[in-house]
């Protein structure tokens, strides 16, 4: 059974969409985990998330109608990169977008799944995610080790860090 972590922005609209996507993924036979599933009040979210990521087959980033990732999602992406750094397992990142948008730098080079019908399009998105995970399994989910792969991941992490700096700068200017 494929296990996925679903990352979404914590707004009422996006929680509703995440619930619909979660239901569709579970109907495809996947086990879905979010940070709200296992965290208790006062618990260290990063430690719990890191432990969960080692068991995940993919991380799905839901990017809603405003086309922006939330602060929580940036934190979760940081945890993904940290988990990858400490483990030889590469965790596929799958963006699911509900509107055409410029993806954040850490997702720019990844093919997104677009859900244009936010009422009824979740089943099709879940099928595409299932296909993606099946293709990764058939080619071998453990990446070949090597200097090029490590350099590629380091560049992705650097782009992600740069996007965080840019987001912080924009937020400061907006205030």
N, C-alpha and C. Protein backbone atom coordinates (compact mmCIF):
# COMPACT_ATOMS: atom_id res chain seq x y z
N UNK A 1 0.85 -1.18 0.00
CA UNK A 1 0.00 0.00 0.00
C UNK A 1 0.89 1.24 0.00
N UNK A 2 0.63 2.14 -0.94
CA UNK A 2 1.38 3.39 -1.00
C UNK A 2 0.99 4.28 0.17
N UNK A 3 2.00 4.93 0.75
CA UNK A 3 1.75 5.88 1.83
C UNK A 3 2.23 7.25 1.36
N UNK A 4 1.37 8.26 1.54
CA UNK A 4 1.72 9.61 1.11
C UNK A 4 1.46 10.60 2.24
N UNK A 5 2.27 11.64 2.24
CA UNK A 5 2.07 12.76 3.16
C UNK A 5 1.40 13.87 2.35
N UNK A 6 0.31 14.41 2.84
CA UNK A 6 -0.42 15.47 2.16
C UNK A 6 -0.17 16.79 2.88
N UNK A 7 0.46 17.71 2.18
CA UNK A 7 0.78 19.02 2.72
C UNK A 7 -0.14 20.04 2.07
N UNK A 8 -0.77 20.86 2.90
CA UNK A 8 -1.70 21.87 2.37
C UNK A 8 -1.68 23.09 3.28
N UNK A 9 -2.08 24.21 2.70
CA UNK A 9 -2.16 25.47 3.42
C UNK A 9 -3.35 25.42 4.36
N UNK A 10 -3.17 25.94 5.55
CA UNK A 10 -4.19 25.80 6.59
C UNK A 10 -5.23 26.92 6.53
N UNK A 11 -5.99 26.93 5.44
CA UNK A 11 -7.13 27.85 5.32
C UNK A 11 -8.38 26.98 5.20
N UNK A 12 -9.55 27.51 5.54
CA UNK A 12 -10.76 26.68 5.43
C UNK A 12 -10.97 26.10 4.03
N UNK A 13 -10.75 26.90 3.00
CA UNK A 13 -10.95 26.43 1.63
C UNK A 13 -9.98 25.30 1.28
N UNK A 14 -8.72 25.46 1.67
CA UNK A 14 -7.74 24.44 1.33
C UNK A 14 -7.90 23.20 2.19
N UNK A 15 -8.35 23.35 3.43
CA UNK A 15 -8.64 22.15 4.25
C UNK A 15 -9.75 21.33 3.60
N UNK A 16 -10.76 22.00 3.06
CA UNK A 16 -11.85 21.31 2.37
C UNK A 16 -11.32 20.56 1.14
N UNK A 17 -10.48 21.23 0.34
CA UNK A 17 -9.91 20.59 -0.84
C UNK A 17 -9.01 19.43 -0.44
N UNK A 18 -8.23 19.60 0.62
CA UNK A 18 -7.35 18.53 1.09
C UNK A 18 -8.17 17.33 1.54
N UNK A 19 -9.31 17.58 2.16
CA UNK A 19 -10.18 16.48 2.56
C UNK A 19 -10.71 15.71 1.36
N UNK A 20 -11.08 16.43 0.31
CA UNK A 20 -11.57 15.77 -0.91
C UNK A 20 -10.46 14.96 -1.58
N UNK A 21 -9.25 15.54 -1.63
CA UNK A 21 -8.12 14.81 -2.23
C UNK A 21 -7.79 13.59 -1.38
N UNK A 22 -7.80 13.74 -0.08
CA UNK A 22 -7.51 12.62 0.81
C UNK A 22 -8.49 11.47 0.57
N UNK A 23 -9.77 11.78 0.50
CA UNK A 23 -10.79 10.75 0.26
C UNK A 23 -10.52 10.04 -1.06
N UNK A 24 -10.21 10.80 -2.11
CA UNK A 24 -9.93 10.21 -3.42
C UNK A 24 -8.69 9.32 -3.37
N UNK A 25 -7.65 9.75 -2.66
CA UNK A 25 -6.43 8.95 -2.54
C UNK A 25 -6.72 7.65 -1.78
N UNK A 26 -7.50 7.74 -0.72
CA UNK A 26 -7.84 6.54 0.05
C UNK A 26 -8.69 5.58 -0.79
N UNK A 27 -9.55 6.12 -1.65
CA UNK A 27 -10.34 5.27 -2.54
C UNK A 27 -9.45 4.54 -3.56
N UNK A 28 -8.28 5.10 -3.84
CA UNK A 28 -7.30 4.46 -4.72
C UNK A 28 -6.41 3.48 -3.95
N UNK A 29 -6.69 3.30 -2.66
CA UNK A 29 -5.94 2.33 -1.85
C UNK A 29 -4.69 2.87 -1.19
N UNK A 30 -4.55 4.19 -1.14
CA UNK A 30 -3.36 4.78 -0.50
C UNK A 30 -3.65 5.14 0.95
N UNK A 31 -2.61 5.07 1.76
CA UNK A 31 -2.69 5.54 3.14
C UNK A 31 -2.20 6.98 3.13
N UNK A 32 -3.02 7.88 3.65
CA UNK A 32 -2.70 9.31 3.62
C UNK A 32 -2.43 9.79 5.04
N UNK A 33 -1.36 10.54 5.19
CA UNK A 33 -0.99 11.09 6.49
C UNK A 33 -0.85 12.60 6.36
N UNK A 34 -1.36 13.33 7.34
CA UNK A 34 -1.13 14.77 7.43
C UNK A 34 -0.57 15.05 8.81
N UNK A 35 -0.07 16.25 9.01
CA UNK A 35 0.50 16.59 10.32
C UNK A 35 -0.56 16.54 11.41
N UNK A 36 -1.81 16.74 11.08
CA UNK A 36 -2.87 16.73 12.08
C UNK A 36 -3.27 15.33 12.53
N UNK A 37 -2.85 14.31 11.78
CA UNK A 37 -3.23 12.94 12.10
C UNK A 37 -2.55 12.39 13.35
N UNK A 38 -1.31 12.71 13.55
CA UNK A 38 -0.57 12.05 14.61
C UNK A 38 -0.05 13.00 15.69
N UNK A 39 -0.24 14.29 15.50
CA UNK A 39 0.31 15.24 16.47
C UNK A 39 -0.65 15.51 17.62
N UNK A 40 -0.12 15.50 18.81
CA UNK A 40 -0.87 15.86 20.00
C UNK A 40 -0.44 17.26 20.42
N UNK A 41 -1.27 17.94 21.17
CA UNK A 41 -0.92 19.28 21.65
C UNK A 41 0.41 19.24 22.39
N UNK A 42 1.27 20.16 22.04
CA UNK A 42 2.57 20.28 22.70
C UNK A 42 3.65 19.38 22.13
N UNK A 43 3.30 18.54 21.18
CA UNK A 43 4.26 17.61 20.60
C UNK A 43 5.14 18.32 19.58
N UNK A 44 6.39 17.87 19.45
CA UNK A 44 7.33 18.44 18.49
C UNK A 44 6.94 17.97 17.10
N UNK A 45 6.41 18.88 16.28
CA UNK A 45 5.91 18.51 14.96
C UNK A 45 7.04 18.06 14.04
N UNK A 46 8.21 18.72 14.12
CA UNK A 46 9.27 18.39 13.19
C UNK A 46 9.82 16.98 13.42
N UNK A 47 9.97 16.60 14.68
CA UNK A 47 10.44 15.25 14.99
C UNK A 47 9.45 14.19 14.53
N UNK A 48 8.16 14.44 14.77
CA UNK A 48 7.12 13.50 14.36
C UNK A 48 7.06 13.42 12.84
N UNK A 49 7.12 14.55 12.18
CA UNK A 49 7.08 14.58 10.72
C UNK A 49 8.28 13.85 10.13
N UNK A 50 9.46 14.09 10.67
CA UNK A 50 10.66 13.41 10.16
C UNK A 50 10.51 11.90 10.27
N UNK A 51 9.97 11.44 11.38
CA UNK A 51 9.76 10.01 11.55
C UNK A 51 8.77 9.46 10.53
N UNK A 52 7.72 10.21 10.25
CA UNK A 52 6.72 9.78 9.27
C UNK A 52 7.28 9.79 7.85
N UNK A 53 8.09 10.79 7.53
CA UNK A 53 8.61 10.91 6.16
C UNK A 53 9.43 9.70 5.75
N UNK A 54 10.12 9.08 6.69
CA UNK A 54 10.91 7.90 6.35
C UNK A 54 10.05 6.74 5.88
N UNK A 55 8.76 6.77 6.19
CA UNK A 55 7.84 5.71 5.77
C UNK A 55 7.02 6.10 4.54
N UNK A 56 7.14 7.31 4.07
CA UNK A 56 6.30 7.80 2.97
C UNK A 56 6.89 7.45 1.61
N UNK A 57 5.99 7.20 0.66
CA UNK A 57 6.39 6.95 -0.72
C UNK A 57 6.42 8.24 -1.53
N UNK A 58 5.73 9.29 -1.04
CA UNK A 58 5.71 10.58 -1.73
C UNK A 58 5.14 11.64 -0.81
N UNK A 59 5.44 12.89 -1.15
CA UNK A 59 4.84 14.04 -0.47
C UNK A 59 4.06 14.81 -1.52
N UNK A 60 2.78 15.04 -1.23
CA UNK A 60 1.91 15.76 -2.15
C UNK A 60 1.72 17.17 -1.60
N UNK A 61 2.07 18.17 -2.40
CA UNK A 61 1.87 19.57 -2.02
C UNK A 61 0.64 20.09 -2.74
N UNK A 62 -0.43 20.33 -1.99
CA UNK A 62 -1.64 20.90 -2.55
C UNK A 62 -1.49 22.42 -2.57
N UNK A 63 -1.61 22.98 -3.76
CA UNK A 63 -1.48 24.43 -3.91
C UNK A 63 -2.82 24.93 -4.42
N UNK A 64 -3.50 25.68 -3.57
CA UNK A 64 -4.88 26.09 -3.81
C UNK A 64 -5.05 27.28 -4.72
N UNK A 65 -6.24 27.86 -4.67
CA UNK A 65 -6.64 28.88 -5.63
C UNK A 65 -5.79 30.15 -5.61
N UNK A 66 -5.16 30.46 -4.48
CA UNK A 66 -4.34 31.68 -4.49
C UNK A 66 -2.95 31.42 -5.06
N UNK A 67 -2.64 30.15 -5.36
CA UNK A 67 -1.39 29.83 -6.03
C UNK A 67 -0.16 29.96 -5.17
N UNK A 68 -0.32 30.01 -3.87
CA UNK A 68 0.84 30.18 -2.98
C UNK A 68 0.91 29.03 -1.98
N UNK A 69 2.13 28.65 -1.62
CA UNK A 69 2.29 27.67 -0.55
C UNK A 69 2.26 28.42 0.77
N UNK A 70 1.78 27.77 1.79
CA UNK A 70 1.71 28.37 3.11
C UNK A 70 3.02 28.21 3.87
N UNK A 71 3.13 28.95 4.94
CA UNK A 71 4.33 28.87 5.78
C UNK A 71 4.53 27.45 6.29
N UNK A 72 3.41 26.78 6.66
CA UNK A 72 3.52 25.40 7.15
C UNK A 72 4.09 24.50 6.06
N UNK A 73 3.68 24.73 4.83
CA UNK A 73 4.17 23.91 3.73
C UNK A 73 5.65 24.14 3.50
N UNK A 74 6.12 25.35 3.66
CA UNK A 74 7.56 25.61 3.54
C UNK A 74 8.31 24.87 4.63
N UNK A 75 7.75 24.88 5.84
CA UNK A 75 8.38 24.14 6.95
C UNK A 75 8.39 22.64 6.66
N UNK A 76 7.29 22.14 6.11
CA UNK A 76 7.22 20.72 5.80
C UNK A 76 8.20 20.36 4.68
N UNK A 77 8.35 21.24 3.70
CA UNK A 77 9.33 20.99 2.64
C UNK A 77 10.74 20.95 3.21
N UNK A 78 11.03 21.83 4.15
CA UNK A 78 12.33 21.81 4.82
C UNK A 78 12.55 20.47 5.50
N UNK A 79 11.52 19.96 6.16
CA UNK A 79 11.62 18.67 6.83
C UNK A 79 11.86 17.54 5.82
N UNK A 80 11.22 17.64 4.65
CA UNK A 80 11.43 16.63 3.60
C UNK A 80 12.89 16.63 3.18
N UNK A 81 13.43 17.81 2.90
CA UNK A 81 14.83 17.88 2.47
C UNK A 81 15.78 17.39 3.56
N UNK A 82 15.47 17.72 4.80
CA UNK A 82 16.29 17.27 5.92
C UNK A 82 16.24 15.74 6.03
N UNK A 83 15.03 15.16 5.90
CA UNK A 83 14.89 13.70 5.97
C UNK A 83 15.67 13.03 4.84
N UNK A 84 15.63 13.62 3.65
CA UNK A 84 16.38 13.06 2.52
C UNK A 84 17.88 13.14 2.77
N UNK A 85 18.30 14.21 3.38
CA UNK A 85 19.73 14.41 3.63
C UNK A 85 20.25 13.34 4.59
N UNK A 86 19.40 12.95 5.55
CA UNK A 86 19.80 11.99 6.56
C UNK A 86 19.56 10.55 6.14
N UNK A 87 18.93 10.33 5.00
CA UNK A 87 18.58 8.98 4.54
C UNK A 87 18.87 8.87 3.05
N UNK A 88 19.19 7.69 2.55
CA UNK A 88 19.46 7.55 1.12
C UNK A 88 18.19 7.55 0.27
N UNK A 89 17.03 7.54 0.89
CA UNK A 89 15.77 7.47 0.16
C UNK A 89 15.35 8.85 -0.34
N UNK A 90 15.13 8.95 -1.64
CA UNK A 90 14.62 10.19 -2.22
C UNK A 90 13.10 10.15 -2.13
N UNK A 91 12.51 11.19 -1.61
CA UNK A 91 11.07 11.26 -1.43
C UNK A 91 10.49 12.09 -2.57
N UNK A 92 9.72 11.47 -3.48
CA UNK A 92 9.16 12.24 -4.59
C UNK A 92 8.21 13.33 -4.09
N UNK A 93 8.32 14.50 -4.71
CA UNK A 93 7.44 15.63 -4.41
C UNK A 93 6.46 15.75 -5.58
N UNK A 94 5.16 15.75 -5.26
CA UNK A 94 4.14 15.82 -6.31
C UNK A 94 3.25 17.03 -6.04
N UNK A 95 3.39 18.10 -6.85
CA UNK A 95 2.50 19.24 -6.68
C UNK A 95 1.14 18.98 -7.33
N UNK A 96 0.09 19.33 -6.61
CA UNK A 96 -1.27 19.29 -7.13
C UNK A 96 -1.79 20.72 -7.05
N UNK A 97 -2.10 21.29 -8.21
CA UNK A 97 -2.49 22.70 -8.25
C UNK A 97 -3.95 22.83 -8.70
N UNK A 98 -4.63 23.84 -8.14
CA UNK A 98 -6.02 24.08 -8.52
C UNK A 98 -6.15 25.29 -9.42
N UNK A 99 -5.08 25.94 -9.68
CA UNK A 99 -5.08 27.09 -10.58
C UNK A 99 -3.69 27.20 -11.19
N UNK A 100 -3.61 27.71 -12.41
CA UNK A 100 -2.31 27.89 -13.03
C UNK A 100 -1.53 28.91 -12.24
N UNK A 101 -0.33 28.57 -11.86
CA UNK A 101 0.48 29.46 -11.04
C UNK A 101 1.95 29.17 -11.24
N UNK A 102 2.78 30.09 -10.85
CA UNK A 102 4.21 29.83 -10.80
C UNK A 102 4.46 29.04 -9.52
N UNK A 103 5.00 27.86 -9.67
CA UNK A 103 5.29 27.04 -8.50
C UNK A 103 6.48 27.61 -7.75
N UNK A 104 6.55 27.34 -6.45
CA UNK A 104 7.73 27.78 -5.69
C UNK A 104 8.98 27.09 -6.24
N UNK A 105 10.14 27.69 -6.06
CA UNK A 105 11.37 27.16 -6.66
C UNK A 105 11.64 25.68 -6.39
N UNK A 106 11.29 25.18 -5.21
CA UNK A 106 11.60 23.78 -4.92
C UNK A 106 10.67 22.82 -5.68
N UNK A 107 9.63 23.34 -6.33
CA UNK A 107 8.73 22.49 -7.12
C UNK A 107 8.73 22.82 -8.60
N UNK A 108 9.49 23.84 -9.01
CA UNK A 108 9.45 24.31 -10.40
C UNK A 108 9.81 23.24 -11.42
N UNK A 109 10.71 22.35 -11.09
CA UNK A 109 11.16 21.37 -12.07
C UNK A 109 10.38 20.06 -12.00
N UNK A 110 9.28 20.06 -11.25
CA UNK A 110 8.47 18.86 -11.07
C UNK A 110 7.15 19.05 -11.81
N UNK A 111 6.75 18.04 -12.57
CA UNK A 111 5.49 18.12 -13.28
C UNK A 111 4.33 18.13 -12.28
N UNK A 112 3.47 19.12 -12.38
CA UNK A 112 2.32 19.24 -11.48
C UNK A 112 1.10 18.53 -12.06
N UNK A 113 0.22 18.13 -11.17
CA UNK A 113 -1.09 17.61 -11.55
C UNK A 113 -2.08 18.74 -11.33
N UNK A 114 -2.81 19.08 -12.39
CA UNK A 114 -3.76 20.20 -12.30
C UNK A 114 -5.18 19.68 -12.07
N UNK A 115 -5.85 20.29 -11.10
CA UNK A 115 -7.25 19.97 -10.81
C UNK A 115 -8.04 21.24 -11.13
N UNK A 116 -8.64 21.29 -12.32
CA UNK A 116 -9.37 22.49 -12.71
C UNK A 116 -10.80 22.48 -12.15
N UNK A 117 -11.34 21.30 -11.88
CA UNK A 117 -12.69 21.18 -11.32
C UNK A 117 -12.56 20.80 -9.85
N UNK A 118 -12.56 21.80 -8.96
CA UNK A 118 -12.32 21.53 -7.53
C UNK A 118 -13.50 20.86 -6.85
N UNK A 119 -14.60 20.70 -7.54
CA UNK A 119 -15.74 19.96 -6.98
C UNK A 119 -15.62 18.47 -7.29
N UNK A 120 -15.19 18.14 -8.52
CA UNK A 120 -15.24 16.75 -8.96
C UNK A 120 -13.92 16.19 -9.50
N UNK A 121 -12.86 16.96 -9.53
CA UNK A 121 -11.62 16.53 -10.18
C UNK A 121 -10.64 15.74 -9.32
N UNK A 122 -10.99 15.47 -8.09
CA UNK A 122 -10.02 14.85 -7.16
C UNK A 122 -9.77 13.38 -7.47
N UNK A 123 -10.75 12.68 -7.95
CA UNK A 123 -10.58 11.26 -8.28
C UNK A 123 -9.56 11.09 -9.40
N UNK A 124 -9.67 11.93 -10.41
CA UNK A 124 -8.71 11.87 -11.52
C UNK A 124 -7.29 12.20 -11.04
N UNK A 125 -7.17 13.20 -10.16
CA UNK A 125 -5.85 13.55 -9.61
C UNK A 125 -5.27 12.37 -8.82
N UNK A 126 -6.11 11.71 -8.02
CA UNK A 126 -5.65 10.57 -7.23
C UNK A 126 -5.17 9.43 -8.13
N UNK A 127 -5.87 9.21 -9.24
CA UNK A 127 -5.46 8.17 -10.19
C UNK A 127 -4.09 8.50 -10.79
N UNK A 128 -3.88 9.77 -11.11
CA UNK A 128 -2.58 10.19 -11.67
C UNK A 128 -1.47 10.00 -10.65
N UNK A 129 -1.76 10.32 -9.39
CA UNK A 129 -0.75 10.13 -8.33
C UNK A 129 -0.44 8.65 -8.19
N UNK A 130 -1.45 7.82 -8.19
CA UNK A 130 -1.26 6.36 -8.10
C UNK A 130 -0.40 5.87 -9.26
N UNK A 131 -0.67 6.35 -10.47
CA UNK A 131 0.13 5.97 -11.64
C UNK A 131 1.57 6.40 -11.47
N UNK A 132 1.76 7.61 -10.98
CA UNK A 132 3.11 8.13 -10.77
C UNK A 132 3.88 7.25 -9.79
N UNK A 133 3.23 6.88 -8.70
CA UNK A 133 3.90 6.04 -7.71
C UNK A 133 4.16 4.64 -8.25
N UNK A 134 3.24 4.12 -9.06
CA UNK A 134 3.45 2.82 -9.69
C UNK A 134 4.62 2.84 -10.65
N UNK A 135 4.77 3.93 -11.39
CA UNK A 135 5.90 4.06 -12.32
C UNK A 135 7.21 4.15 -11.55
N UNK A 136 7.21 4.85 -10.43
CA UNK A 136 8.43 4.96 -9.62
C UNK A 136 8.81 3.60 -9.06
N UNK A 137 7.83 2.81 -8.62
CA UNK A 137 8.11 1.48 -8.09
C UNK A 137 8.68 0.56 -9.15
N UNK A 138 8.17 0.65 -10.37
CA UNK A 138 8.64 -0.26 -11.41
C UNK A 138 10.04 0.08 -11.89
N UNK A 139 10.45 1.32 -11.71
CA UNK A 139 11.81 1.69 -12.11
C UNK A 139 12.77 1.58 -10.95
N UNK A 140 12.25 1.29 -9.77
CA UNK A 140 13.10 1.21 -8.59
C UNK A 140 13.04 2.51 -7.85
N UNK A 141 12.47 2.53 -6.67
CA UNK A 141 12.26 3.78 -5.95
C UNK A 141 13.51 4.29 -5.25
N UNK A 142 14.53 3.45 -5.13
CA UNK A 142 15.75 3.91 -4.50
C UNK A 142 16.63 4.51 -5.58
N UNK A 143 16.97 5.79 -5.44
CA UNK A 143 17.75 6.44 -6.49
C UNK A 143 19.17 5.91 -6.56
N UNK A 144 19.73 5.98 -7.74
CA UNK A 144 21.13 5.62 -7.86
C UNK A 144 21.96 6.66 -7.15
N UNK A 145 22.89 6.18 -6.33
CA UNK A 145 23.71 7.15 -5.61
C UNK A 145 24.77 7.67 -6.56
N UNK A 146 25.24 8.83 -6.26
CA UNK A 146 26.27 9.41 -7.10
C UNK A 146 26.37 10.89 -6.88
N UNK A 147 27.48 11.41 -7.34
CA UNK A 147 27.75 12.82 -7.13
C UNK A 147 26.75 13.71 -7.84
N UNK A 148 26.33 13.35 -9.06
CA UNK A 148 25.38 14.18 -9.80
C UNK A 148 24.05 14.28 -9.08
N UNK A 149 23.55 13.17 -8.57
CA UNK A 149 22.27 13.19 -7.85
C UNK A 149 22.38 14.07 -6.60
N UNK A 150 23.48 13.94 -5.88
CA UNK A 150 23.65 14.74 -4.67
C UNK A 150 23.74 16.23 -5.04
N UNK A 151 24.43 16.56 -6.10
CA UNK A 151 24.53 17.95 -6.52
C UNK A 151 23.16 18.49 -6.93
N UNK A 152 22.38 17.68 -7.62
CA UNK A 152 21.03 18.10 -8.02
C UNK A 152 20.19 18.40 -6.80
N UNK A 153 20.21 17.52 -5.81
CA UNK A 153 19.42 17.74 -4.59
C UNK A 153 19.93 18.96 -3.83
N UNK A 154 21.22 19.17 -3.80
CA UNK A 154 21.77 20.35 -3.12
C UNK A 154 21.29 21.63 -3.81
N UNK A 155 21.22 21.61 -5.14
CA UNK A 155 20.71 22.77 -5.87
C UNK A 155 19.23 22.99 -5.55
N UNK A 156 18.46 21.91 -5.46
CA UNK A 156 17.05 22.04 -5.09
C UNK A 156 16.90 22.65 -3.71
N UNK A 157 17.71 22.20 -2.77
CA UNK A 157 17.66 22.73 -1.41
C UNK A 157 18.04 24.21 -1.41
N UNK A 158 19.06 24.58 -2.20
CA UNK A 158 19.48 25.98 -2.28
C UNK A 158 18.37 26.84 -2.87
N UNK A 159 17.70 26.35 -3.93
CA UNK A 159 16.58 27.10 -4.51
C UNK A 159 15.46 27.27 -3.49
N UNK A 160 15.22 26.23 -2.72
CA UNK A 160 14.19 26.30 -1.69
C UNK A 160 14.56 27.36 -0.65
N UNK A 161 15.80 27.34 -0.18
CA UNK A 161 16.24 28.33 0.80
C UNK A 161 16.12 29.75 0.23
N UNK A 162 16.47 29.91 -1.04
CA UNK A 162 16.34 31.22 -1.69
C UNK A 162 14.88 31.66 -1.75
N UNK A 163 13.98 30.69 -2.01
CA UNK A 163 12.55 31.05 -2.08
C UNK A 163 12.04 31.48 -0.70
N UNK A 164 12.55 30.86 0.35
CA UNK A 164 12.16 31.27 1.70
C UNK A 164 12.61 32.70 2.00
N UNK A 165 13.84 33.00 1.60
CA UNK A 165 14.35 34.36 1.81
C UNK A 165 13.52 35.38 1.04
N UNK A 166 13.17 35.04 -0.19
CA UNK A 166 12.37 35.96 -1.01
C UNK A 166 10.98 36.14 -0.41
N UNK A 167 10.39 35.06 0.08
CA UNK A 167 9.05 35.15 0.70
C UNK A 167 9.10 36.01 1.96
N UNK A 168 10.15 35.85 2.77
CA UNK A 168 10.29 36.67 3.97
C UNK A 168 10.44 38.14 3.61
N UNK A 169 11.21 38.42 2.56
CA UNK A 169 11.39 39.81 2.12
C UNK A 169 10.07 40.42 1.67
N UNK A 170 9.28 39.65 0.90
CA UNK A 170 7.99 40.14 0.43
C UNK A 170 7.04 40.42 1.60
N UNK A 171 7.06 39.52 2.60
CA UNK A 171 6.20 39.71 3.76
C UNK A 171 6.59 40.96 4.54
N UNK A 172 7.88 41.20 4.68
CA UNK A 172 8.36 42.39 5.39
C UNK A 172 7.97 43.66 4.66
N UNK A 173 8.06 43.62 3.32
CA UNK A 173 7.66 44.79 2.52
C UNK A 173 6.17 45.05 2.62
N UNK A 174 5.39 43.97 2.70
CA UNK A 174 3.92 44.11 2.76
C UNK A 174 3.47 44.73 4.08
N UNK A 175 4.27 44.57 5.11
CA UNK A 175 3.90 45.12 6.43
C UNK A 175 4.13 46.57 6.43
